[in-house]
PDB file of N, CA and C in Angstrom:
ATOM      1  N   UNK A   1     -40.300  -3.322   5.443  1.00  0.00           N
ATOM      2  CA  UNK A   1     -39.107  -3.874   6.066  1.00  0.00           C
ATOM      3  C   UNK A   1     -37.988  -4.047   5.035  1.00  0.00           C
ATOM      4  N   UNK A   2     -38.307  -4.526   3.852  1.00  0.00           N
ATOM      5  CA  UNK A   2     -37.296  -4.693   2.810  1.00  0.00           C
ATOM      6  C   UNK A   2     -36.719  -3.347   2.393  1.00  0.00           C
ATOM      7  N   UNK A   3     -37.589  -2.360   2.222  1.00  0.00           N
ATOM      8  CA  UNK A   3     -37.094  -1.042   1.813  1.00  0.00           C
ATOM      9  C   UNK A   3     -36.226  -0.421   2.911  1.00  0.00           C
ATOM     10  N   UNK A   4     -36.557  -0.701   4.156  1.00  0.00           N
ATOM     11  CA  UNK A   4     -35.735  -0.195   5.257  1.00  0.00           C
ATOM     12  C   UNK A   4     -34.352  -0.843   5.234  1.00  0.00           C
ATOM     13  N   UNK A   5     -34.315  -2.159   5.004  1.00  0.00           N
ATOM     14  CA  UNK A   5     -33.028  -2.862   4.928  1.00  0.00           C
ATOM     15  C   UNK A   5     -32.208  -2.370   3.740  1.00  0.00           C
ATOM     16  N   UNK A   6     -32.870  -2.138   2.625  1.00  0.00           N
ATOM     17  CA  UNK A   6     -32.167  -1.607   1.454  1.00  0.00           C
ATOM     18  C   UNK A   6     -31.603  -0.216   1.742  1.00  0.00           C
ATOM     19  N   UNK A   7     -32.358   0.590   2.447  1.00  0.00           N
ATOM     20  CA  UNK A   7     -31.885   1.920   2.816  1.00  0.00           C
ATOM     21  C   UNK A   7     -30.669   1.860   3.729  1.00  0.00           C
ATOM     22  N   UNK A   8     -30.708   0.970   4.705  1.00  0.00           N
ATOM     23  CA  UNK A   8     -29.579   0.802   5.626  1.00  0.00           C
ATOM     24  C   UNK A   8     -28.354   0.309   4.860  1.00  0.00           C
ATOM     25  N   UNK A   9     -28.572  -0.645   3.959  1.00  0.00           N
ATOM     26  CA  UNK A   9     -27.470  -1.174   3.153  1.00  0.00           C
ATOM     27  C   UNK A   9     -26.886  -0.095   2.251  1.00  0.00           C
ATOM     28  N   UNK A  10     -27.733   0.686   1.623  1.00  0.00           N
ATOM     29  CA  UNK A  10     -27.267   1.768   0.747  1.00  0.00           C
ATOM     30  C   UNK A  10     -26.473   2.802   1.539  1.00  0.00           C
ATOM     31  N   UNK A  11     -26.923   3.129   2.737  1.00  0.00           N
ATOM     32  CA  UNK A  11     -26.195   4.076   3.584  1.00  0.00           C
ATOM     33  C   UNK A  11     -24.815   3.530   3.953  1.00  0.00           C
ATOM     34  N   UNK A  12     -24.772   2.259   4.324  1.00  0.00           N
ATOM     35  CA  UNK A  12     -23.493   1.646   4.696  1.00  0.00           C
ATOM     36  C   UNK A  12     -22.540   1.620   3.504  1.00  0.00           C
ATOM     37  N   UNK A  13     -23.067   1.283   2.341  1.00  0.00           N
ATOM     38  CA  UNK A  13     -22.251   1.253   1.128  1.00  0.00           C
ATOM     39  C   UNK A  13     -21.727   2.642   0.793  1.00  0.00           C
ATOM     40  N   UNK A  14     -22.558   3.630   0.978  1.00  0.00           N
ATOM     41  CA  UNK A  14     -22.150   5.010   0.709  1.00  0.00           C
ATOM     42  C   UNK A  14     -21.019   5.435   1.653  1.00  0.00           C
ATOM     43  N   UNK A  15     -21.089   5.014   2.909  1.00  0.00           N
ATOM     44  CA  UNK A  15     -20.015   5.338   3.856  1.00  0.00           C
ATOM     45  C   UNK A  15     -18.706   4.656   3.450  1.00  0.00           C
ATOM     46  N   UNK A  16     -18.803   3.406   3.035  1.00  0.00           N
ATOM     47  CA  UNK A  16     -17.603   2.669   2.615  1.00  0.00           C
ATOM     48  C   UNK A  16     -16.970   3.330   1.397  1.00  0.00           C
ATOM     49  N   UNK A  17     -17.780   3.634   0.401  1.00  0.00           N
ATOM     50  CA  UNK A  17     -17.270   4.280  -0.811  1.00  0.00           C
ATOM     51  C   UNK A  17     -16.679   5.647  -0.474  1.00  0.00           C
ATOM     52  N   UNK A  18     -17.304   6.367   0.424  1.00  0.00           N
ATOM     53  CA  UNK A  18     -16.775   7.663   0.849  1.00  0.00           C
ATOM     54  C   UNK A  18     -15.408   7.536   1.491  1.00  0.00           C
ATOM     55  N   UNK A  19     -15.236   6.515   2.308  1.00  0.00           N
ATOM     56  CA  UNK A  19     -13.923   6.293   2.940  1.00  0.00           C
ATOM     57  C   UNK A  19     -12.873   5.940   1.899  1.00  0.00           C
ATOM     58  N   UNK A  20     -13.264   5.134   0.918  1.00  0.00           N
ATOM     59  CA  UNK A  20     -12.323   4.781  -0.152  1.00  0.00           C
ATOM     60  C   UNK A  20     -11.956   6.025  -0.946  1.00  0.00           C
ATOM     61  N   UNK A  21     -12.956   6.830  -1.301  1.00  0.00           N
ATOM     62  CA  UNK A  21     -12.704   8.069  -2.050  1.00  0.00           C
ATOM     63  C   UNK A  21     -11.786   9.015  -1.283  1.00  0.00           C
ATOM     64  N   UNK A  22     -11.913   9.027   0.035  1.00  0.00           N
ATOM     65  CA  UNK A  22     -11.087   9.903   0.873  1.00  0.00           C
ATOM     66  C   UNK A  22      -9.756   9.266   1.256  1.00  0.00           C
ATOM     67  N   UNK A  23      -9.483   8.110   0.660  1.00  0.00           N
ATOM     68  CA  UNK A  23      -8.224   7.381   0.895  1.00  0.00           C
ATOM     69  C   UNK A  23      -8.047   7.007   2.361  1.00  0.00           C
ATOM     70  N   UNK A  24      -9.144   6.643   2.987  1.00  0.00           N
ATOM     71  CA  UNK A  24      -9.109   6.196   4.375  1.00  0.00           C
ATOM     72  C   UNK A  24      -9.144   4.678   4.395  1.00  0.00           C
ATOM     73  N   UNK A  25      -8.530   4.091   5.386  1.00  0.00           N
ATOM     74  CA  UNK A  25      -8.524   2.645   5.510  1.00  0.00           C
ATOM     75  C   UNK A  25      -7.558   2.005   4.519  1.00  0.00           C
ATOM     76  N   UNK A  26      -7.366   0.724   4.668  1.00  0.00           N
ATOM     77  CA  UNK A  26      -6.396  -0.002   3.843  1.00  0.00           C
ATOM     78  C   UNK A  26      -6.744   0.021   2.367  1.00  0.00           C
ATOM     79  N   UNK A  27      -8.000  -0.212   2.041  1.00  0.00           N
ATOM     80  CA  UNK A  27      -8.404  -0.249   0.630  1.00  0.00           C
ATOM     81  C   UNK A  27      -8.259   1.121  -0.005  1.00  0.00           C
ATOM     82  N   UNK A  28      -8.687   2.148   0.677  1.00  0.00           N
ATOM     83  CA  UNK A  28      -8.566   3.500   0.139  1.00  0.00           C
ATOM     84  C   UNK A  28      -7.126   3.892  -0.110  1.00  0.00           C
ATOM     85  N   UNK A  29      -6.253   3.543   0.814  1.00  0.00           N
ATOM     86  CA  UNK A  29      -4.834   3.855   0.651  1.00  0.00           C
ATOM     87  C   UNK A  29      -4.221   3.033  -0.475  1.00  0.00           C
ATOM     88  N   UNK A  30      -4.600   1.761  -0.568  1.00  0.00           N
ATOM     89  CA  UNK A  30      -4.043   0.892  -1.607  1.00  0.00           C
ATOM     90  C   UNK A  30      -4.457   1.343  -3.000  1.00  0.00           C
ATOM     91  N   UNK A  31      -5.700   1.753  -3.141  1.00  0.00           N
ATOM     92  CA  UNK A  31      -6.190   2.195  -4.446  1.00  0.00           C
ATOM     93  C   UNK A  31      -5.482   3.470  -4.881  1.00  0.00           C
ATOM     94  N   UNK A  32      -5.176   4.333  -3.940  1.00  0.00           N
ATOM     95  CA  UNK A  32      -4.579   5.629  -4.261  1.00  0.00           C
ATOM     96  C   UNK A  32      -3.070   5.559  -4.471  1.00  0.00           C
ATOM     97  N   UNK A  33      -2.437   4.453  -4.097  1.00  0.00           N
ATOM     98  CA  UNK A  33      -0.976   4.384  -4.096  1.00  0.00           C
ATOM     99  C   UNK A  33      -0.463   3.524  -5.243  1.00  0.00           C
ATOM    100  N   UNK A  34       0.055   4.149  -6.283  1.00  0.00           N
ATOM    101  CA  UNK A  34       0.584   3.384  -7.417  1.00  0.00           C
ATOM    102  C   UNK A  34       1.871   2.663  -7.043  1.00  0.00           C
ATOM    103  N   UNK A  35       2.559   3.133  -6.010  1.00  0.00           N
ATOM    104  CA  UNK A  35       3.779   2.462  -5.564  1.00  0.00           C
ATOM    105  C   UNK A  35       3.463   1.052  -5.094  1.00  0.00           C
ATOM    106  N   UNK A  36       2.374   0.885  -4.383  1.00  0.00           N
ATOM    107  CA  UNK A  36       1.966  -0.435  -3.918  1.00  0.00           C
ATOM    108  C   UNK A  36       1.747  -1.364  -5.101  1.00  0.00           C
ATOM    109  N   UNK A  37       1.074  -0.895  -6.119  1.00  0.00           N
ATOM    110  CA  UNK A  37       0.828  -1.688  -7.325  1.00  0.00           C
ATOM    111  C   UNK A  37       2.153  -2.126  -7.945  1.00  0.00           C
ATOM    112  N   UNK A  38       3.067  -1.186  -8.106  1.00  0.00           N
ATOM    113  CA  UNK A  38       4.359  -1.497  -8.714  1.00  0.00           C
ATOM    114  C   UNK A  38       5.139  -2.510  -7.883  1.00  0.00           C
ATOM    115  N   UNK A  39       5.114  -2.339  -6.565  1.00  0.00           N
ATOM    116  CA  UNK A  39       5.834  -3.263  -5.696  1.00  0.00           C
ATOM    117  C   UNK A  39       5.211  -4.654  -5.706  1.00  0.00           C
ATOM    118  N   UNK A  40       3.895  -4.737  -5.777  1.00  0.00           N
ATOM    119  CA  UNK A  40       3.237  -6.042  -5.865  1.00  0.00           C
ATOM    120  C   UNK A  40       3.579  -6.744  -7.169  1.00  0.00           C
ATOM    121  N   UNK A  41       3.622  -5.993  -8.254  1.00  0.00           N
ATOM    122  CA  UNK A  41       4.017  -6.588  -9.544  1.00  0.00           C
ATOM    123  C   UNK A  41       5.445  -7.110  -9.490  1.00  0.00           C
ATOM    124  N   UNK A  42       6.332  -6.343  -8.884  1.00  0.00           N
ATOM    125  CA  UNK A  42       7.732  -6.762  -8.752  1.00  0.00           C
ATOM    126  C   UNK A  42       7.837  -8.014  -7.883  1.00  0.00           C
ATOM    127  N   UNK A  43       7.074  -8.060  -6.797  1.00  0.00           N
ATOM    128  CA  UNK A  43       7.071  -9.233  -5.925  1.00  0.00           C
ATOM    129  C   UNK A  43       6.587 -10.462  -6.678  1.00  0.00           C
ATOM    130  N   UNK A  44       5.529 -10.319  -7.460  1.00  0.00           N
ATOM    131  CA  UNK A  44       5.027 -11.445  -8.246  1.00  0.00           C
ATOM    132  C   UNK A  44       6.042 -11.897  -9.283  1.00  0.00           C
ATOM    133  N   UNK A  45       6.707 -10.959  -9.905  1.00  0.00           N
ATOM    134  CA  UNK A  45       7.731 -11.292 -10.895  1.00  0.00           C
ATOM    135  C   UNK A  45       8.865 -12.078 -10.228  1.00  0.00           C
ATOM    136  N   UNK A  46       9.317 -11.611  -9.071  1.00  0.00           N
ATOM    137  CA  UNK A  46      10.383 -12.305  -8.347  1.00  0.00           C
ATOM    138  C   UNK A  46       9.950 -13.695  -7.897  1.00  0.00           C
ATOM    139  N   UNK A  47       8.711 -13.814  -7.446  1.00  0.00           N
ATOM    140  CA  UNK A  47       8.188 -15.114  -7.028  1.00  0.00           C
ATOM    141  C   UNK A  47       8.137 -16.076  -8.201  1.00  0.00           C
ATOM    142  N   UNK A  48       7.681 -15.602  -9.350  1.00  0.00           N
ATOM    143  CA  UNK A  48       7.649 -16.453 -10.544  1.00  0.00           C
ATOM    144  C   UNK A  48       9.051 -16.901 -10.934  1.00  0.00           C
ATOM    145  N   UNK A  49      10.013 -15.996 -10.871  1.00  0.00           N
ATOM    146  CA  UNK A  49      11.403 -16.356 -11.178  1.00  0.00           C
ATOM    147  C   UNK A  49      11.918 -17.417 -10.214  1.00  0.00           C
ATOM    148  N   UNK A  50      11.610 -17.262  -8.934  1.00  0.00           N
ATOM    149  CA  UNK A  50      12.045 -18.227  -7.935  1.00  0.00           C
ATOM    150  C   UNK A  50      11.417 -19.597  -8.179  1.00  0.00           C
ATOM    151  N   UNK A  51      10.131 -19.642  -8.463  1.00  0.00           N
ATOM    152  CA  UNK A  51       9.450 -20.915  -8.719  1.00  0.00           C
ATOM    153  C   UNK A  51      10.061 -21.597  -9.936  1.00  0.00           C
ATOM    154  N   UNK A  52      10.325 -20.836 -10.993  1.00  0.00           N
ATOM    155  CA  UNK A  52      10.961 -21.407 -12.187  1.00  0.00           C
ATOM    156  C   UNK A  52      12.334 -21.992 -11.846  1.00  0.00           C
ATOM    157  N   UNK A  53      13.108 -21.264 -11.049  1.00  0.00           N
ATOM    158  CA  UNK A  53      14.438 -21.743 -10.694  1.00  0.00           C
ATOM    159  C   UNK A  53      14.365 -22.975  -9.796  1.00  0.00           C
ATOM    160  N   UNK A  54      13.400 -23.019  -8.885  1.00  0.00           N
ATOM    161  CA  UNK A  54      13.229 -24.207  -8.037  1.00  0.00           C
ATOM    162  C   UNK A  54      12.896 -25.416  -8.898  1.00  0.00           C
ATOM    163  N   UNK A  55      12.035 -25.234  -9.888  1.00  0.00           N
ATOM    164  CA  UNK A  55      11.689 -26.345 -10.783  1.00  0.00           C
ATOM    165  C   UNK A  55      12.895 -26.783 -11.606  1.00  0.00           C
ATOM    166  N   UNK A  56      13.695 -25.828 -12.026  1.00  0.00           N
ATOM    167  CA  UNK A  56      14.856 -26.120 -12.866  1.00  0.00           C
ATOM    168  C   UNK A  56      16.008 -26.705 -12.043  1.00  0.00           C
ATOM    169  N   UNK A  57      16.194 -26.230 -10.832  1.00  0.00           N
ATOM    170  CA  UNK A  57      17.314 -26.639  -9.973  1.00  0.00           C
ATOM    171  C   UNK A  57      16.837 -27.003  -8.570  1.00  0.00           C
ATOM    172  N   UNK A  58      16.033 -28.048  -8.436  1.00  0.00           N
ATOM    173  CA  UNK A  58      15.474 -28.358  -7.113  1.00  0.00           C
ATOM    174  C   UNK A  58      16.539 -28.685  -6.064  1.00  0.00           C
ATOM    175  N   UNK A  59      17.653 -29.266  -6.496  1.00  0.00           N
ATOM    176  CA  UNK A  59      18.695 -29.638  -5.528  1.00  0.00           C
ATOM    177  C   UNK A  59      19.331 -28.414  -4.877  1.00  0.00           C
ATOM    178  N   UNK A  60      19.245 -27.299  -5.521  1.00  0.00           N
ATOM    179  CA  UNK A  60      19.787 -26.065  -4.955  1.00  0.00           C
ATOM    180  C   UNK A  60      18.989 -25.641  -3.713  1.00  0.00           C
ATOM    181  N   UNK A  61      17.716 -26.023  -3.665  1.00  0.00           N
ATOM    182  CA  UNK A  61      16.827 -25.552  -2.600  1.00  0.00           C
ATOM    183  C   UNK A  61      16.409 -26.644  -1.620  1.00  0.00           C
ATOM    184  N   UNK A  62      16.404 -27.886  -2.078  1.00  0.00           N
ATOM    185  CA  UNK A  62      15.915 -28.988  -1.247  1.00  0.00           C
ATOM    186  C   UNK A  62      17.041 -29.990  -1.056  1.00  0.00           C
ATOM    187  N   UNK A  63      17.461 -30.147   0.169  1.00  0.00           N
ATOM    188  CA  UNK A  63      18.534 -31.089   0.472  1.00  0.00           C
ATOM    189  C   UNK A  63      17.954 -32.201   1.341  1.00  0.00           C
ATOM    190  N   UNK A  64      18.047 -33.416   0.844  1.00  0.00           N
ATOM    191  CA  UNK A  64      17.556 -34.566   1.588  1.00  0.00           C
ATOM    192  C   UNK A  64      18.742 -35.400   2.044  1.00  0.00           C
ATOM    193  N   UNK A  65      18.715 -35.792   3.262  1.00  0.00           N
ATOM    194  CA  UNK A  65      19.774 -36.646   3.783  1.00  0.00           C
ATOM    195  C   UNK A  65      19.166 -37.749   4.630  1.00  0.00           C
ATOM    196  N   UNK A  66      19.706 -38.928   4.463  1.00  0.00           N
ATOM    197  CA  UNK A  66      19.252 -40.061   5.271  1.00  0.00           C
ATOM    198  C   UNK A  66      20.426 -40.478   6.143  1.00  0.00           C
ATOM    199  N   UNK A  67      20.230 -40.347   7.418  1.00  0.00           N
ATOM    200  CA  UNK A  67      21.225 -40.666   8.451  1.00  0.00           C
ATOM    201  C   UNK A  67      22.434 -39.869   8.225  1.00  0.00           C
TER     202      UNK A  67
END
C-alpha cells in the first residue's frame, strides 16, 4: 500500500513538473517569463519607497479631523 501511494505521488509530481517545463499553468508561465520577475522587483522597489515616504511624511497620507 505504501509503495502504491508513493507511485501515485511520483506520477502526480511528474505531471506537475511536466506542466511547469512546458510553461503551462500560472507557475510554468511565471518561471519562464523574466518580465514578470522584473515587474515584481519594480513593484517591490516602489512599495518600499512609498512606505519610507509615509514614515517620513505621515501627514501627507493620513488626515485626521475631529468635527
